[in-house]
Amino acid sequence: MVVPTLAPLLTPNTVMLSIMADGRLLSRSALAQQTALVRAMPEYAGRDRRGITVAAPNAKVSQRQRALVHTLLAATGLVEWVTDEGLMDAVTAVSGSGPAYVSCWSRP
């Protein structure tokens, strides 16, 4: 896993954004105890700026960090925030995000 190698680079002002489809990053990660983390799942249509991204922050994310992440994610369309990371599994299942990663790399 890449995250432990990044740990020395993280400061109290750092917010880490993850688009990993699997796992409970916010609740199970040792890193989540000390770092501001946002788990996000973009939708397939995001490549055309007509998508929606659902994001879940942990308790360490400040309002400023959330606004920064929101601005970044809004480049692909709408952004919706949830407080329960458990909802991210359902978002992943219905968003079509898996094919998005393939098509965005193969798109001319």
Protein backbone atom coordinates (compact mmCIF):
# COMPACT_ATOMS: atom_id res chain seq x y z
CA MET A 1 0.00 0.00 0.00
CA VAL A 2 1.31 3.46 -0.91
CA VAL A 3 -0.14 5.36 2.05
CA PRO A 4 2.58 4.46 4.62
CA THR A 5 5.26 5.82 2.27
CA LEU A 6 3.39 9.14 2.15
CA ALA A 7 3.03 9.45 5.92
CA PRO A 8 6.28 11.42 6.41
CA LEU A 9 5.02 14.03 3.92
CA LEU A 10 1.74 14.69 5.72
CA THR A 11 1.39 17.78 7.89
CA PRO A 12 -1.54 18.96 10.05
CA ASN A 13 -2.63 21.13 7.08
CA THR A 14 -2.64 18.24 4.61
CA VAL A 15 -5.87 16.72 3.36
CA MET A 16 -5.62 13.38 1.58
CA LEU A 17 -8.19 12.55 -1.11
CA SER A 18 -8.78 8.90 -1.97
CA ILE A 19 -10.82 7.43 -4.80
CA MET A 20 -10.24 3.82 -3.73
CA ALA A 21 -13.37 1.81 -4.36
CA ASP A 22 -12.67 -0.71 -1.64
CA GLY A 23 -12.36 -0.42 2.06
CA ARG A 24 -13.26 1.68 5.02
CA LEU A 25 -10.46 4.18 4.71
CA LEU A 26 -11.97 6.65 7.14
CA SER A 27 -12.82 4.21 9.90
CA ARG A 28 -10.21 1.44 9.65
CA SER A 29 -7.09 3.22 8.47
CA ALA A 30 -4.43 3.96 11.07
CA LEU A 31 -3.68 7.04 9.02
CA ALA A 32 -7.25 8.29 9.60
CA GLN A 33 -6.49 8.75 13.28
CA GLN A 34 -3.99 11.52 12.52
CA THR A 35 -4.74 12.82 9.01
CA ALA A 36 -7.58 14.68 7.33
CA LEU A 37 -8.98 12.19 4.81
CA VAL A 38 -11.76 12.40 2.23
CA ARG A 39 -12.96 9.30 0.44
CA ALA A 40 -14.65 10.11 -2.86
CA MET A 41 -16.24 8.15 -5.67
CA PRO A 42 -16.64 9.89 -9.03
CA GLU A 43 -19.33 8.85 -11.48
CA TYR A 44 -18.65 7.73 -15.04
CA ALA A 45 -20.10 10.88 -16.63
CA GLY A 46 -17.51 12.95 -14.79
CA ARG A 47 -15.19 12.67 -17.72
CA ASP A 48 -17.64 14.90 -19.61
CA ARG A 49 -18.14 17.26 -16.63
CA ARG A 50 -21.70 16.02 -16.23
CA GLY A 51 -21.11 13.59 -13.41
CA ILE A 52 -21.61 13.55 -9.70
CA THR A 53 -19.08 12.69 -7.06
CA VAL A 54 -20.02 11.54 -3.58
CA ALA A 55 -17.49 12.32 -0.87
CA ALA A 56 -17.16 11.37 2.78
CA PRO A 57 -14.80 13.28 5.09
CA ASN A 58 -13.37 12.07 8.37
CA ALA A 59 -13.57 14.16 11.53
CA LYS A 60 -10.12 15.66 10.93
CA VAL A 61 -11.22 17.51 7.76
CA SER A 62 -11.56 21.25 8.35
CA GLN A 63 -14.06 23.49 6.56
CA ARG A 64 -11.20 24.98 4.54
CA GLN A 65 -9.98 21.53 3.49
CA ARG A 66 -13.50 20.44 2.62
CA ALA A 67 -13.95 23.54 0.45
CA LEU A 68 -10.65 22.79 -1.30
CA VAL A 69 -11.64 19.20 -2.02
CA HIS A 70 -15.10 20.31 -3.12
CA THR A 71 -13.57 22.72 -5.65
CA LEU A 72 -11.28 19.99 -6.98
CA LEU A 73 -14.07 17.44 -7.33
CA ALA A 74 -16.50 19.96 -8.84
CA ALA A 75 -14.33 20.00 -11.97
CA THR A 76 -16.14 16.78 -12.95
CA GLY A 77 -19.67 17.94 -12.07
CA LEU A 78 -21.80 18.03 -8.93
CA VAL A 79 -20.44 17.05 -5.53
CA GLU A 80 -22.55 15.54 -2.75
CA TRP A 81 -21.24 14.95 0.76
CA VAL A 82 -22.23 12.12 3.11
CA THR A 83 -21.25 11.65 6.72
CA ASP A 84 -21.58 7.84 6.74
CA GLU A 85 -18.72 6.17 4.88
CA GLY A 86 -20.83 3.00 4.75
CA LEU A 87 -22.89 4.66 2.01
CA MET A 88 -19.83 4.74 -0.23
CA ASP A 89 -20.22 1.03 -1.04
CA ALA A 90 -23.63 1.70 -2.56
CA VAL A 91 -22.30 4.73 -4.41
CA THR A 92 -19.50 2.62 -5.86
CA ALA A 93 -21.93 -0.07 -6.96
CA VAL A 94 -24.28 2.24 -8.86
CA SER A 95 -22.03 5.03 -10.08
CA GLY A 96 -20.40 3.22 -12.97
CA SER A 97 -17.09 4.39 -11.63
CA GLY A 98 -15.24 1.22 -12.60
CA PRO A 99 -15.68 1.73 -16.35
CA ALA A 100 -14.77 5.40 -15.96
CA TYR A 101 -11.19 4.57 -15.07
CA VAL A 102 -10.85 2.39 -18.16
CA SER A 103 -12.51 4.79 -20.56
CA CYS A 104 -10.70 7.90 -19.36
CA TRP A 105 -7.35 6.26 -20.05
CA SER A 106 -8.41 4.89 -23.42
CA ARG A 107 -10.18 8.03 -24.59
CA PRO A 108 -8.41 9.73 -27.53
